Amino acid sequence: AIHEDIQIKNIQKRYHLLTTKEKEVLHF
């Protein structure tokens, strides 16, 4: 559970570093 939580937080951090355009592309 701790490992999964760390992974989720890392993914969230990386997502927030994306530009608006990159987030749009990620959606597609």
mmCIF file of all heavy atoms, coordinates in Angstrom:
data_MODEL
# 
_entry.id   MODEL 
# 
loop_
_atom_site.group_PDB 
_atom_site.id 
_atom_site.type_symbol 
_atom_site.label_atom_id 
_atom_site.label_alt_id 
_atom_site.label_comp_id 
_atom_site.label_asym_id 
_atom_site.label_entity_id 
_atom_site.label_seq_id 
_atom_site.pdbx_PDB_ins_code 
_atom_site.Cartn_x 
_atom_site.Cartn_y 
_atom_site.Cartn_z 
_atom_site.occupancy 
_atom_site.B_iso_or_equiv 
_atom_site.pdbx_formal_charge 
_atom_site.auth_seq_id 
_atom_site.auth_comp_id 
_atom_site.auth_asym_id 
_atom_site.auth_atom_id 
_atom_site.pdbx_PDB_model_num 
ATOM 1   N N   . ALA A 1 1  ? 0.830   -1.206 0.000   1.00 0.00 ? 1  ALA A N   1 
ATOM 2   C CA  . ALA A 1 1  ? 0.000   0.000  0.000   1.00 0.00 ? 1  ALA A CA  1 
ATOM 3   C C   . ALA A 1 1  ? 0.866   1.258  0.000   1.00 0.00 ? 1  ALA A C   1 
ATOM 4   O O   . ALA A 1 1  ? 0.572   2.221  -0.712  1.00 0.00 ? 1  ALA A O   1 
ATOM 5   C CB  . ALA A 1 1  ? -0.931  -0.006 1.211   1.00 0.00 ? 1  ALA A CB  1 
ATOM 6   N N   . ILE A 1 2  ? 1.932   1.247  0.779   1.00 0.00 ? 2  ILE A N   1 
ATOM 7   C CA  . ILE A 1 2  ? 2.847   2.390  0.823   1.00 0.00 ? 2  ILE A CA  1 
ATOM 8   C C   . ILE A 1 2  ? 3.515   2.561  -0.534  1.00 0.00 ? 2  ILE A C   1 
ATOM 9   O O   . ILE A 1 2  ? 3.619   3.679  -1.048  1.00 0.00 ? 2  ILE A O   1 
ATOM 10  C CB  . ILE A 1 2  ? 3.890   2.214  1.947   1.00 0.00 ? 2  ILE A CB  1 
ATOM 11  C CG1 . ILE A 1 2  ? 3.212   2.362  3.304   1.00 0.00 ? 2  ILE A CG1 1 
ATOM 12  C CG2 . ILE A 1 2  ? 5.037   3.210  1.798   1.00 0.00 ? 2  ILE A CG2 1 
ATOM 13  C CD1 . ILE A 1 2  ? 4.092   1.979  4.483   1.00 0.00 ? 2  ILE A CD1 1 
ATOM 14  N N   . HIS A 1 3  ? 3.948   1.467  -1.148  1.00 0.00 ? 3  HIS A N   1 
ATOM 15  C CA  . HIS A 1 3  ? 4.589   1.524  -2.464  1.00 0.00 ? 3  HIS A CA  1 
ATOM 16  C C   . HIS A 1 3  ? 3.628   2.091  -3.509  1.00 0.00 ? 3  HIS A C   1 
ATOM 17  O O   . HIS A 1 3  ? 4.003   2.942  -4.317  1.00 0.00 ? 3  HIS A O   1 
ATOM 18  C CB  . HIS A 1 3  ? 5.077   0.132  -2.869  1.00 0.00 ? 3  HIS A CB  1 
ATOM 19  C CG  . HIS A 1 3  ? 5.738   0.083  -4.202  1.00 0.00 ? 3  HIS A CG  1 
ATOM 20  N ND1 . HIS A 1 3  ? 6.972   0.635  -4.442  1.00 0.00 ? 3  HIS A ND1 1 
ATOM 21  C CD2 . HIS A 1 3  ? 5.327   -0.439 -5.381  1.00 0.00 ? 3  HIS A CD2 1 
ATOM 22  C CE1 . HIS A 1 3  ? 7.289   0.458  -5.710  1.00 0.00 ? 3  HIS A CE1 1 
ATOM 23  N NE2 . HIS A 1 3  ? 6.309   -0.194 -6.308  1.00 0.00 ? 3  HIS A NE2 1 
ATOM 24  N N   . GLU A 1 4  ? 2.380   1.630  -3.487  1.00 0.00 ? 4  GLU A N   1 
ATOM 25  C CA  . GLU A 1 4  ? 1.382   2.134  -4.427  1.00 0.00 ? 4  GLU A CA  1 
ATOM 26  C C   . GLU A 1 4  ? 1.119   3.618  -4.208  1.00 0.00 ? 4  GLU A C   1 
ATOM 27  O O   . GLU A 1 4  ? 0.988   4.383  -5.166  1.00 0.00 ? 4  GLU A O   1 
ATOM 28  C CB  . GLU A 1 4  ? 0.082   1.339  -4.306  1.00 0.00 ? 4  GLU A CB  1 
ATOM 29  C CG  . GLU A 1 4  ? 0.188   -0.075 -4.837  1.00 0.00 ? 4  GLU A CG  1 
ATOM 30  C CD  . GLU A 1 4  ? -1.054  -0.902 -4.554  1.00 0.00 ? 4  GLU A CD  1 
ATOM 31  O OE1 . GLU A 1 4  ? -2.058  -0.353 -4.038  1.00 0.00 ? 4  GLU A OE1 1 
ATOM 32  O OE2 . GLU A 1 4  ? -1.016  -2.109 -4.842  1.00 0.00 ? 4  GLU A OE2 1 
ATOM 33  N N   . ASP A 1 5  ? 1.059   4.044  -2.957  1.00 0.00 ? 5  ASP A N   1 
ATOM 34  C CA  . ASP A 1 5  ? 0.832   5.446  -2.642  1.00 0.00 ? 5  ASP A CA  1 
ATOM 35  C C   . ASP A 1 5  ? 1.973   6.308  -3.167  1.00 0.00 ? 5  ASP A C   1 
ATOM 36  O O   . ASP A 1 5  ? 1.747   7.382  -3.732  1.00 0.00 ? 5  ASP A O   1 
ATOM 37  C CB  . ASP A 1 5  ? 0.678   5.629  -1.128  1.00 0.00 ? 5  ASP A CB  1 
ATOM 38  C CG  . ASP A 1 5  ? 0.261   7.036  -0.759  1.00 0.00 ? 5  ASP A CG  1 
ATOM 39  O OD1 . ASP A 1 5  ? -0.726  7.534  -1.337  1.00 0.00 ? 5  ASP A OD1 1 
ATOM 40  O OD2 . ASP A 1 5  ? 0.935   7.652  0.099   1.00 0.00 ? 5  ASP A OD2 1 
ATOM 41  N N   . ILE A 1 6  ? 3.198   5.840  -3.006  1.00 0.00 ? 6  ILE A N   1 
ATOM 42  C CA  . ILE A 1 6  ? 4.360   6.568  -3.517  1.00 0.00 ? 6  ILE A CA  1 
ATOM 43  C C   . ILE A 1 6  ? 4.293   6.673  -5.036  1.00 0.00 ? 6  ILE A C   1 
ATOM 44  O O   . ILE A 1 6  ? 4.552   7.734  -5.615  1.00 0.00 ? 6  ILE A O   1 
ATOM 45  C CB  . ILE A 1 6  ? 5.674   5.904  -3.055  1.00 0.00 ? 6  ILE A CB  1 
ATOM 46  C CG1 . ILE A 1 6  ? 5.860   6.103  -1.549  1.00 0.00 ? 6  ILE A CG1 1 
ATOM 47  C CG2 . ILE A 1 6  ? 6.881   6.427  -3.831  1.00 0.00 ? 6  ILE A CG2 1 
ATOM 48  C CD1 . ILE A 1 6  ? 6.978   5.280  -0.939  1.00 0.00 ? 6  ILE A CD1 1 
ATOM 49  N N   . GLN A 1 7  ? 3.927   5.577  -5.699  1.00 0.00 ? 7  GLN A N   1 
ATOM 50  C CA  . GLN A 1 7  ? 3.811   5.595  -7.162  1.00 0.00 ? 7  GLN A CA  1 
ATOM 51  C C   . GLN A 1 7  ? 2.749   6.591  -7.622  1.00 0.00 ? 7  GLN A C   1 
ATOM 52  O O   . GLN A 1 7  ? 2.962   7.345  -8.570  1.00 0.00 ? 7  GLN A O   1 
ATOM 53  C CB  . GLN A 1 7  ? 3.481   4.204  -7.696  1.00 0.00 ? 7  GLN A CB  1 
ATOM 54  C CG  . GLN A 1 7  ? 4.652   3.251  -7.677  1.00 0.00 ? 7  GLN A CG  1 
ATOM 55  C CD  . GLN A 1 7  ? 4.272   1.912  -8.295  1.00 0.00 ? 7  GLN A CD  1 
ATOM 56  O OE1 . GLN A 1 7  ? 3.201   1.381  -8.031  1.00 0.00 ? 7  GLN A OE1 1 
ATOM 57  N NE2 . GLN A 1 7  ? 5.156   1.377  -9.122  1.00 0.00 ? 7  GLN A NE2 1 
ATOM 58  N N   . ILE A 1 8  ? 1.611   6.601  -6.959  1.00 0.00 ? 8  ILE A N   1 
ATOM 59  C CA  . ILE A 1 8  ? 0.530   7.521  -7.324  1.00 0.00 ? 8  ILE A CA  1 
ATOM 60  C C   . ILE A 1 8  ? 0.984   8.969  -7.148  1.00 0.00 ? 8  ILE A C   1 
ATOM 61  O O   . ILE A 1 8  ? 0.748   9.817  -8.013  1.00 0.00 ? 8  ILE A O   1 
ATOM 62  C CB  . ILE A 1 8  ? -0.741  7.228  -6.498  1.00 0.00 ? 8  ILE A CB  1 
ATOM 63  C CG1 . ILE A 1 8  ? -1.371  5.911  -6.962  1.00 0.00 ? 8  ILE A CG1 1 
ATOM 64  C CG2 . ILE A 1 8  ? -1.747  8.376  -6.613  1.00 0.00 ? 8  ILE A CG2 1 
ATOM 65  C CD1 . ILE A 1 8  ? -2.466  5.388  -6.068  1.00 0.00 ? 8  ILE A CD1 1 
ATOM 66  N N   . LYS A 1 9  ? 1.656   9.260  -6.041  1.00 0.00 ? 9  LYS A N   1 
ATOM 67  C CA  . LYS A 1 9  ? 2.138   10.625 -5.802  1.00 0.00 ? 9  LYS A CA  1 
ATOM 68  C C   . LYS A 1 9  ? 3.164   11.036 -6.850  1.00 0.00 ? 9  LYS A C   1 
ATOM 69  O O   . LYS A 1 9  ? 3.157   12.189 -7.300  1.00 0.00 ? 9  LYS A O   1 
ATOM 70  C CB  . LYS A 1 9  ? 2.704   10.749 -4.394  1.00 0.00 ? 9  LYS A CB  1 
ATOM 71  C CG  . LYS A 1 9  ? 1.608   10.765 -3.345  1.00 0.00 ? 9  LYS A CG  1 
ATOM 72  C CD  . LYS A 1 9  ? 2.150   10.896 -1.950  1.00 0.00 ? 9  LYS A CD  1 
ATOM 73  C CE  . LYS A 1 9  ? 0.973   10.871 -0.969  1.00 0.00 ? 9  LYS A CE  1 
ATOM 74  N NZ  . LYS A 1 9  ? 1.398   10.863 0.406   1.00 0.00 ? 9  LYS A NZ  1 
ATOM 75  N N   . ASN A 1 10 ? 4.033   10.115 -7.262  1.00 0.00 ? 10 ASN A N   1 
ATOM 76  C CA  . ASN A 1 10 ? 5.014   10.421 -8.307  1.00 0.00 ? 10 ASN A CA  1 
ATOM 77  C C   . ASN A 1 10 ? 4.333   10.708 -9.639  1.00 0.00 ? 10 ASN A C   1 
ATOM 78  O O   . ASN A 1 10 ? 4.717   11.635 -10.358 1.00 0.00 ? 10 ASN A O   1 
ATOM 79  C CB  . ASN A 1 10 ? 6.026   9.286  -8.464  1.00 0.00 ? 10 ASN A CB  1 
ATOM 80  C CG  . ASN A 1 10 ? 7.041   9.252  -7.351  1.00 0.00 ? 10 ASN A CG  1 
ATOM 81  O OD1 . ASN A 1 10 ? 7.323   10.268 -6.717  1.00 0.00 ? 10 ASN A OD1 1 
ATOM 82  N ND2 . ASN A 1 10 ? 7.610   8.088  -7.101  1.00 0.00 ? 10 ASN A ND2 1 
ATOM 83  N N   . ILE A 1 11 ? 3.315   9.928  -9.964  1.00 0.00 ? 11 ILE A N   1 
ATOM 84  C CA  . ILE A 1 11 ? 2.574   10.152 -11.206 1.00 0.00 ? 11 ILE A CA  1 
ATOM 85  C C   . ILE A 1 11 ? 1.871   11.506 -11.154 1.00 0.00 ? 11 ILE A C   1 
ATOM 86  O O   . ILE A 1 11 ? 1.883   12.264 -12.130 1.00 0.00 ? 11 ILE A O   1 
ATOM 87  C CB  . ILE A 1 11 ? 1.569   9.011  -11.461 1.00 0.00 ? 11 ILE A CB  1 
ATOM 88  C CG1 . ILE A 1 11 ? 2.321   7.722  -11.792 1.00 0.00 ? 11 ILE A CG1 1 
ATOM 89  C CG2 . ILE A 1 11 ? 0.577   9.368  -12.566 1.00 0.00 ? 11 ILE A CG2 1 
ATOM 90  C CD1 . ILE A 1 11 ? 1.465   6.479  -11.782 1.00 0.00 ? 11 ILE A CD1 1 
ATOM 91  N N   . GLN A 1 12 ? 1.276   11.829 -10.021 1.00 0.00 ? 12 GLN A N   1 
ATOM 92  C CA  . GLN A 1 12 ? 0.597   13.118 -9.879  1.00 0.00 ? 12 GLN A CA  1 
ATOM 93  C C   . GLN A 1 12 ? 1.577   14.276 -10.027 1.00 0.00 ? 12 GLN A C   1 
ATOM 94  O O   . GLN A 1 12 ? 1.271   15.273 -10.694 1.00 0.00 ? 12 GLN A O   1 
ATOM 95  C CB  . GLN A 1 12 ? -0.120  13.206 -8.529  1.00 0.00 ? 12 GLN A CB  1 
ATOM 96  C CG  . GLN A 1 12 ? -1.335  12.309 -8.443  1.00 0.00 ? 12 GLN A CG  1 
ATOM 97  C CD  . GLN A 1 12 ? -1.918  12.241 -7.053  1.00 0.00 ? 12 GLN A CD  1 
ATOM 98  O OE1 . GLN A 1 12 ? -1.236  12.454 -6.053  1.00 0.00 ? 12 GLN A OE1 1 
ATOM 99  N NE2 . GLN A 1 12 ? -3.202  11.930 -6.966  1.00 0.00 ? 12 GLN A NE2 1 
ATOM 100 N N   . LYS A 1 13 ? 2.755   14.156 -9.445  1.00 0.00 ? 13 LYS A N   1 
ATOM 101 C CA  . LYS A 1 13 ? 3.772   15.208 -9.564  1.00 0.00 ? 13 LYS A CA  1 
ATOM 102 C C   . LYS A 1 13 ? 4.162   15.401 -11.021 1.00 0.00 ? 13 LYS A C   1 
ATOM 103 O O   . LYS A 1 13 ? 4.269   16.532 -11.496 1.00 0.00 ? 13 LYS A O   1 
ATOM 104 C CB  . LYS A 1 13 ? 5.015   14.860 -8.739  1.00 0.00 ? 13 LYS A CB  1 
ATOM 105 C CG  . LYS A 1 13 ? 4.855   15.052 -7.261  1.00 0.00 ? 13 LYS A CG  1 
ATOM 106 C CD  . LYS A 1 13 ? 6.151   14.661 -6.544  1.00 0.00 ? 13 LYS A CD  1 
ATOM 107 C CE  . LYS A 1 13 ? 5.964   14.629 -5.045  1.00 0.00 ? 13 LYS A CE  1 
ATOM 108 N NZ  . LYS A 1 13 ? 7.180   14.171 -4.353  1.00 0.00 ? 13 LYS A NZ  1 
ATOM 109 N N   . ARG A 1 14 ? 4.393   14.280 -11.728 1.00 0.00 ? 14 ARG A N   1 
ATOM 110 C CA  . ARG A 1 14 ? 4.779   14.378 -13.137 1.00 0.00 ? 14 ARG A CA  1 
ATOM 111 C C   . ARG A 1 14 ? 3.649   14.960 -13.979 1.00 0.00 ? 14 ARG A C   1 
ATOM 112 O O   . ARG A 1 14 ? 3.882   15.746 -14.892 1.00 0.00 ? 14 ARG A O   1 
ATOM 113 C CB  . ARG A 1 14 ? 5.220   13.020 -13.660 1.00 0.00 ? 14 ARG A CB  1 
ATOM 114 C CG  . ARG A 1 14 ? 6.544   12.562 -13.055 1.00 0.00 ? 14 ARG A CG  1 
ATOM 115 C CD  . ARG A 1 14 ? 7.151   11.395 -13.797 1.00 0.00 ? 14 ARG A CD  1 
ATOM 116 N NE  . ARG A 1 14 ? 6.250   10.285 -14.002 1.00 0.00 ? 14 ARG A NE  1 
ATOM 117 C CZ  . ARG A 1 14 ? 6.348   9.103  -13.421 1.00 0.00 ? 14 ARG A CZ  1 
ATOM 118 N NH1 . ARG A 1 14 ? 7.333   8.852  -12.590 1.00 0.00 ? 14 ARG A NH1 1 
ATOM 119 N NH2 . ARG A 1 14 ? 5.481   8.145  -13.684 1.00 0.00 ? 14 ARG A NH2 1 
ATOM 120 N N   . TYR A 1 15 ? 2.408   14.597 -13.668 1.00 0.00 ? 15 TYR A N   1 
ATOM 121 C CA  . TYR A 1 15 ? 1.266   15.126 -14.409 1.00 0.00 ? 15 TYR A CA  1 
ATOM 122 C C   . TYR A 1 15 ? 1.197   16.644 -14.257 1.00 0.00 ? 15 TYR A C   1 
ATOM 123 O O   . TYR A 1 15 ? 0.950   17.361 -15.225 1.00 0.00 ? 15 TYR A O   1 
ATOM 124 C CB  . TYR A 1 15 ? -0.039  14.482 -13.928 1.00 0.00 ? 15 TYR A CB  1 
ATOM 125 C CG  . TYR A 1 15 ? -1.261  15.044 -14.621 1.00 0.00 ? 15 TYR A CG  1 
ATOM 126 C CD1 . TYR A 1 15 ? -1.609  14.618 -15.896 1.00 0.00 ? 15 TYR A CD1 1 
ATOM 127 C CD2 . TYR A 1 15 ? -2.051  16.012 -14.007 1.00 0.00 ? 15 TYR A CD2 1 
ATOM 128 C CE1 . TYR A 1 15 ? -2.718  15.135 -16.546 1.00 0.00 ? 15 TYR A CE1 1 
ATOM 129 C CE2 . TYR A 1 15 ? -3.157  16.542 -14.646 1.00 0.00 ? 15 TYR A CE2 1 
ATOM 130 C CZ  . TYR A 1 15 ? -3.484  16.103 -15.913 1.00 0.00 ? 15 TYR A CZ  1 
ATOM 131 O OH  . TYR A 1 15 ? -4.577  16.624 -16.560 1.00 0.00 ? 15 TYR A OH  1 
ATOM 132 N N   . HIS A 1 16 ? 1.414   17.139 -13.057 1.00 0.00 ? 16 HIS A N   1 
ATOM 133 C CA  . HIS A 1 16 ? 1.335   18.579 -12.811 1.00 0.00 ? 16 HIS A CA  1 
ATOM 134 C C   . HIS A 1 16 ? 2.465   19.347 -13.500 1.00 0.00 ? 16 HIS A C   1 
ATOM 135 O O   . HIS A 1 16 ? 2.357   20.566 -13.673 1.00 0.00 ? 16 HIS A O   1 
ATOM 136 C CB  . HIS A 1 16 ? 1.313   18.869 -11.312 1.00 0.00 ? 16 HIS A CB  1 
ATOM 137 C CG  . HIS A 1 16 ? 0.035   18.428 -10.654 1.00 0.00 ? 16 HIS A CG  1 
ATOM 138 N ND1 . HIS A 1 16 ? -1.202  18.950 -10.982 1.00 0.00 ? 16 HIS A ND1 1 
ATOM 139 C CD2 . HIS A 1 16 ? -0.210  17.492 -9.708  1.00 0.00 ? 16 HIS A CD2 1 
ATOM 140 C CE1 . HIS A 1 16 ? -2.134  18.369 -10.266 1.00 0.00 ? 16 HIS A CE1 1 
ATOM 141 N NE2 . HIS A 1 16 ? -1.559  17.479 -9.484  1.00 0.00 ? 16 HIS A NE2 1 
ATOM 142 N N   . LEU A 1 17 ? 3.515   18.658 -13.904 1.00 0.00 ? 17 LEU A N   1 
ATOM 143 C CA  . LEU A 1 17 ? 4.598   19.304 -14.636 1.00 0.00 ? 17 LEU A CA  1 
ATOM 144 C C   . LEU A 1 17 ? 4.290   19.454 -16.125 1.00 0.00 ? 17 LEU A C   1 
ATOM 145 O O   . LEU A 1 17 ? 4.970   20.199 -16.830 1.00 0.00 ? 17 LEU A O   1 
ATOM 146 C CB  . LEU A 1 17 ? 5.911   18.524 -14.463 1.00 0.00 ? 17 LEU A CB  1 
ATOM 147 C CG  . LEU A 1 17 ? 6.500   18.508 -13.044 1.00 0.00 ? 17 LEU A CG  1 
ATOM 148 C CD1 . LEU A 1 17 ? 7.706   17.571 -12.999 1.00 0.00 ? 17 LEU A CD1 1 
ATOM 149 C CD2 . LEU A 1 17 ? 6.889   19.908 -12.605 1.00 0.00 ? 17 LEU A CD2 1 
ATOM 150 N N   . LEU A 1 18 ? 3.267   18.754 -16.602 1.00 0.00 ? 18 LEU A N   1 
ATOM 151 C CA  . LEU A 1 18 ? 2.910   18.829 -18.016 1.00 0.00 ? 18 LEU A CA  1 
ATOM 152 C C   . LEU A 1 18 ? 2.305   20.188 -18.347 1.00 0.00 ? 18 LEU A C   1 
ATOM 153 O O   . LEU A 1 18 ? 1.632   20.802 -17.525 1.00 0.00 ? 18 LEU A O   1 
ATOM 154 C CB  . LEU A 1 18 ? 1.891   17.742 -18.373 1.00 0.00 ? 18 LEU A CB  1 
ATOM 155 C CG  . LEU A 1 18 ? 2.335   16.288 -18.250 1.00 0.00 ? 18 LEU A CG  1 
ATOM 156 C CD1 . LEU A 1 18 ? 1.153   15.363 -18.539 1.00 0.00 ? 18 LEU A CD1 1 
ATOM 157 C CD2 . LEU A 1 18 ? 3.498   15.990 -19.168 1.00 0.00 ? 18 LEU A CD2 1 
ATOM 158 N N   . THR A 1 19 ? 2.540   20.619 -19.574 1.00 0.00 ? 19 THR A N   1 
ATOM 159 C CA  . THR A 1 19 ? 1.898   21.836 -20.057 1.00 0.00 ? 19 THR A CA  1 
ATOM 160 C C   . THR A 1 19 ? 0.428   21.533 -20.340 1.00 0.00 ? 19 THR A C   1 
ATOM 161 O O   . THR A 1 19 ? 0.011   20.366 -20.405 1.00 0.00 ? 19 THR A O   1 
ATOM 162 C CB  . THR A 1 19 ? 2.566   22.340 -21.349 1.00 0.00 ? 19 THR A CB  1 
ATOM 163 O OG1 . THR A 1 19 ? 2.341   21.357 -22.383 1.00 0.00 ? 19 THR A OG1 1 
ATOM 164 C CG2 . THR A 1 19 ? 4.056   22.579 -21.166 1.00 0.00 ? 19 THR A CG2 1 
ATOM 165 N N   . THR A 1 20 ? -0.345  22.584 -20.542 1.00 0.00 ? 20 THR A N   1 
ATOM 166 C CA  . THR A 1 20 ? -1.764  22.400 -20.869 1.00 0.00 ? 20 THR A CA  1 
ATOM 167 C C   . THR A 1 20 ? -1.919  21.576 -22.146 1.00 0.00 ? 20 THR A C   1 
ATOM 168 O O   . THR A 1 20 ? -2.762  20.671 -22.207 1.00 0.00 ? 20 THR A O   1 
ATOM 169 C CB  . THR A 1 20 ? -2.444  23.775 -21.039 1.00 0.00 ? 20 THR A CB  1 
ATOM 170 O OG1 . THR A 1 20 ? -2.273  24.518 -19.828 1.00 0.00 ? 20 THR A OG1 1 
ATOM 171 C CG2 . THR A 1 20 ? -3.919  23.631 -21.336 1.00 0.00 ? 20 THR A CG2 1 
ATOM 172 N N   . LYS A 1 21 ? -1.108  21.851 -23.125 1.00 0.00 ? 21 LYS A N   1 
ATOM 173 C CA  . LYS A 1 21 ? -1.167  21.115 -24.392 1.00 0.00 ? 21 LYS A CA  1 
ATOM 174 C C   . LYS A 1 21 ? -0.821  19.633 -24.180 1.00 0.00 ? 21 LYS A C   1 
ATOM 175 O O   . LYS A 1 21 ? -1.479  18.749 -24.746 1.00 0.00 ? 21 LYS A O   1 
ATOM 176 C CB  . LYS A 1 21 ? -0.203  21.747 -25.404 1.00 0.00 ? 21 LYS A CB  1 
ATOM 177 C CG  . LYS A 1 21 ? -0.382  21.254 -26.798 1.00 0.00 ? 21 LYS A CG  1 
ATOM 178 C CD  . LYS A 1 21 ? -1.735  21.685 -27.321 1.00 0.00 ? 21 LYS A CD  1 
ATOM 179 C CE  . LYS A 1 21 ? -1.835  21.435 -28.807 1.00 0.00 ? 21 LYS A CE  1 
ATOM 180 N NZ  . LYS A 1 21 ? -3.157  21.739 -29.317 1.00 0.00 ? 21 LYS A NZ  1 
ATOM 181 N N   . GLU A 1 22 ? 0.205   19.376 -23.383 1.00 0.00 ? 22 GLU A N   1 
ATOM 182 C CA  . GLU A 1 22 ? 0.594   17.989 -23.105 1.00 0.00 ? 22 GLU A CA  1 
ATOM 183 C C   . GLU A 1 22 ? -0.525  17.248 -22.377 1.00 0.00 ? 22 GLU A C   1 
ATOM 184 O O   . GLU A 1 22 ? -0.769  16.059 -22.637 1.00 0.00 ? 22 GLU A O   1 
ATOM 185 C CB  . GLU A 1 22 ? 1.883   17.956 -22.286 1.00 0.00 ? 22 GLU A CB  1 
ATOM 186 C CG  . GLU A 1 22 ? 3.113   18.372 -23.073 1.00 0.00 ? 22 GLU A CG  1 
ATOM 187 C CD  . GLU A 1 22 ? 4.336   18.596 -22.215 1.00 0.00 ? 22 GLU A CD  1 
ATOM 188 O OE1 . GLU A 1 22 ? 4.206   18.951 -21.023 1.00 0.00 ? 22 GLU A OE1 1 
ATOM 189 O OE2 . GLU A 1 22 ? 5.456   18.417 -22.744 1.00 0.00 ? 22 GLU A OE2 1 
ATOM 190 N N   . LYS A 1 23 ? -1.225  17.932 -21.501 1.00 0.00 ? 23 LYS A N   1 
ATOM 191 C CA  . LYS A 1 23 ? -2.356  17.308 -20.797 1.00 0.00 ? 23 LYS A CA  1 
ATOM 192 C C   . LYS A 1 23 ? -3.481  16.981 -21.774 1.00 0.00 ? 23 LYS A C   1 
ATOM 193 O O   . LYS A 1 23 ? -4.129  15.928 -21.661 1.00 0.00 ? 23 LYS A O   1 
ATOM 194 C CB  . LYS A 1 23 ? -2.856  18.214 -19.676 1.00 0.00 ? 23 LYS A CB  1 
ATOM 195 C CG  . LYS A 1 23 ? -1.904  18.295 -18.500 1.00 0.00 ? 23 LYS A CG  1 
ATOM 196 C CD  . LYS A 1 23 ? -2.397  19.269 -17.447 1.00 0.00 ? 23 LYS A CD  1 
ATOM 197 C CE  . LYS A 1 23 ? -1.386  19.382 -16.318 1.00 0.00 ? 23 LYS A CE  1 
ATOM 198 N NZ  . LYS A 1 23 ? -1.778  20.371 -15.308 1.00 0.00 ? 23 LYS A NZ  1 
ATOM 199 N N   . GLU A 1 24 ? -3.707  17.880 -22.749 1.00 0.00 ? 24 GLU A N   1 
ATOM 200 C CA  . GLU A 1 24 ? -4.725  17.625 -23.764 1.00 0.00 ? 24 GLU A CA  1 
ATOM 201 C C   . GLU A 1 24 ? -4.364  16.385 -24.581 1.00 0.00 ? 24 GLU A C   1 
ATOM 202 O O   . GLU A 1 24 ? -5.213  15.524 -24.836 1.00 0.00 ? 24 GLU A O   1 
ATOM 203 C CB  . GLU A 1 24 ? -4.866  18.824 -24.693 1.00 0.00 ? 24 GLU A CB  1 
ATOM 204 C CG  . GLU A 1 24 ? -5.505  20.033 -24.048 1.00 0.00 ? 24 GLU A CG  1 
ATOM 205 C CD  . GLU A 1 24 ? -5.506  21.239 -24.971 1.00 0.00 ? 24 GLU A CD  1 
ATOM 206 O OE1 . GLU A 1 24 ? -5.270  21.087 -26.194 1.00 0.00 ? 24 GLU A OE1 1 
ATOM 207 O OE2 . GLU A 1 24 ? -5.737  22.355 -24.465 1.00 0.00 ? 24 GLU A OE2 1 
ATOM 208 N N   . VAL A 1 25 ? -3.116  16.292 -24.996 1.00 0.00 ? 25 VAL A N   1 
ATOM 209 C CA  . VAL A 1 25 ? -2.659  15.141 -25.777 1.00 0.00 ? 25 VAL A CA  1 
ATOM 210 C C   . VAL A 1 25 ? -2.764  13.864 -24.945 1.00 0.00 ? 25 VAL A C   1 
ATOM 211 O O   . VAL A 1 25 ? -3.206  12.820 -25.437 1.00 0.00 ? 25 VAL A O   1 
ATOM 212 C CB  . VAL A 1 25 ? -1.220  15.356 -26.290 1.00 0.00 ? 25 VAL A CB  1 
ATOM 213 C CG1 . VAL A 1 25 ? -0.664  14.091 -26.921 1.00 0.00 ? 25 VAL A CG1 1 
ATOM 214 C CG2 . VAL A 1 25 ? -1.180  16.517 -27.278 1.00 0.00 ? 25 VAL A CG2 1 
ATOM 215 N N   . LEU A 1 26 ? -2.385  13.946 -23.679 1.00 0.00 ? 26 LEU A N   1 
ATOM 216 C CA  . LEU A 1 26 ? -2.475  12.786 -22.789 1.00 0.00 ? 26 LEU A CA  1 
ATOM 217 C C   . LEU A 1 26 ? -3.904  12.280 -22.713 1.00 0.00 ? 26 LEU A C   1 
ATOM 218 O O   . LEU A 1 26 ? -4.144  11.068 -22.695 1.00 0.00 ? 26 LEU A O   1 
ATOM 219 C CB  . LEU A 1 26 ? -1.945  13.146 -21.398 1.00 0.00 ? 26 LEU A CB  1 
ATOM 220 C CG  . LEU A 1 26 ? -2.030  12.037 -20.347 1.00 0.00 ? 26 LEU A CG  1 
ATOM 221 C CD1 . LEU A 1 26 ? -1.207  10.820 -20.772 1.00 0.00 ? 26 LEU A CD1 1 
ATOM 222 C CD2 . LEU A 1 26 ? -1.574  12.549 -19.001 1.00 0.00 ? 26 LEU A CD2 1 
ATOM 223 N N   . HIS A 1 27 ? -4.849  13.199 -22.680 1.00 0.00 ? 27 HIS A N   1 
ATOM 224 C CA  . HIS A 1 27 ? -6.261  12.809 -22.640 1.00 0.00 ? 27 HIS A CA  1 
ATOM 225 C C   . HIS A 1 27 ? -6.611  11.928 -23.846 1.00 0.00 ? 27 HIS A C   1 
ATOM 226 O O   . HIS A 1 27 ? -7.243  10.885 -23.700 1.00 0.00 ? 27 HIS A O   1 
ATOM 227 C CB  . HIS A 1 27 ? -7.146  14.060 -22.616 1.00 0.00 ? 27 HIS A CB  1 
ATOM 228 C CG  . HIS A 1 27 ? -8.598  13.774 -22.773 1.00 0.00 ? 27 HIS A CG  1 
ATOM 229 N ND1 . HIS A 1 27 ? -9.370  13.260 -21.757 1.00 0.00 ? 27 HIS A ND1 1 
ATOM 230 C CD2 . HIS A 1 27 ? -9.425  13.906 -23.843 1.00 0.00 ? 27 HIS A CD2 1 
ATOM 231 C CE1 . HIS A 1 27 ? -10.604 13.088 -22.189 1.00 0.00 ? 27 HIS A CE1 1 
ATOM 232 N NE2 . HIS A 1 27 ? -10.666 13.479 -23.456 1.00 0.00 ? 27 HIS A NE2 1 
ATOM 233 N N   . PHE A 1 28 ? -6.164  12.352 -25.042 1.00 0.00 ? 28 PHE A N   1 
ATOM 234 C CA  . PHE A 1 28 ? -6.448  11.579 -26.247 1.00 0.00 ? 28 PHE A CA  1 
ATOM 235 C C   . PHE A 1 28 ? -5.719  10.236 -26.230 1.00 0.00 ? 28 PHE A C   1 
ATOM 236 O O   . PHE A 1 28 ? -6.256  9.224  -26.686 1.00 0.00 ? 28 PHE A O   1 
ATOM 237 C CB  . PHE A 1 28 ? -6.081  12.373 -27.500 1.00 0.00 ? 28 PHE A CB  1 
ATOM 238 C CG  . PHE A 1 28 ? -6.945  13.590 -27.698 1.00 0.00 ? 28 PHE A CG  1 
ATOM 239 C CD1 . PHE A 1 28 ? -6.376  14.854 -27.837 1.00 0.00 ? 28 PHE A CD1 1 
ATOM 240 C CD2 . PHE A 1 28 ? -8.329  13.484 -27.752 1.00 0.00 ? 28 PHE A CD2 1 
ATOM 241 C CE1 . PHE A 1 28 ? -7.172  15.977 -28.023 1.00 0.00 ? 28 PHE A CE1 1 
ATOM 242 C CE2 . PHE A 1 28 ? -9.138  14.598 -27.934 1.00 0.00 ? 28 PHE A CE2 1 
ATOM 243 C CZ  . PHE A 1 28 ? -8.560  15.843 -28.073 1.00 0.00 ? 28 PHE A CZ  1 
# 
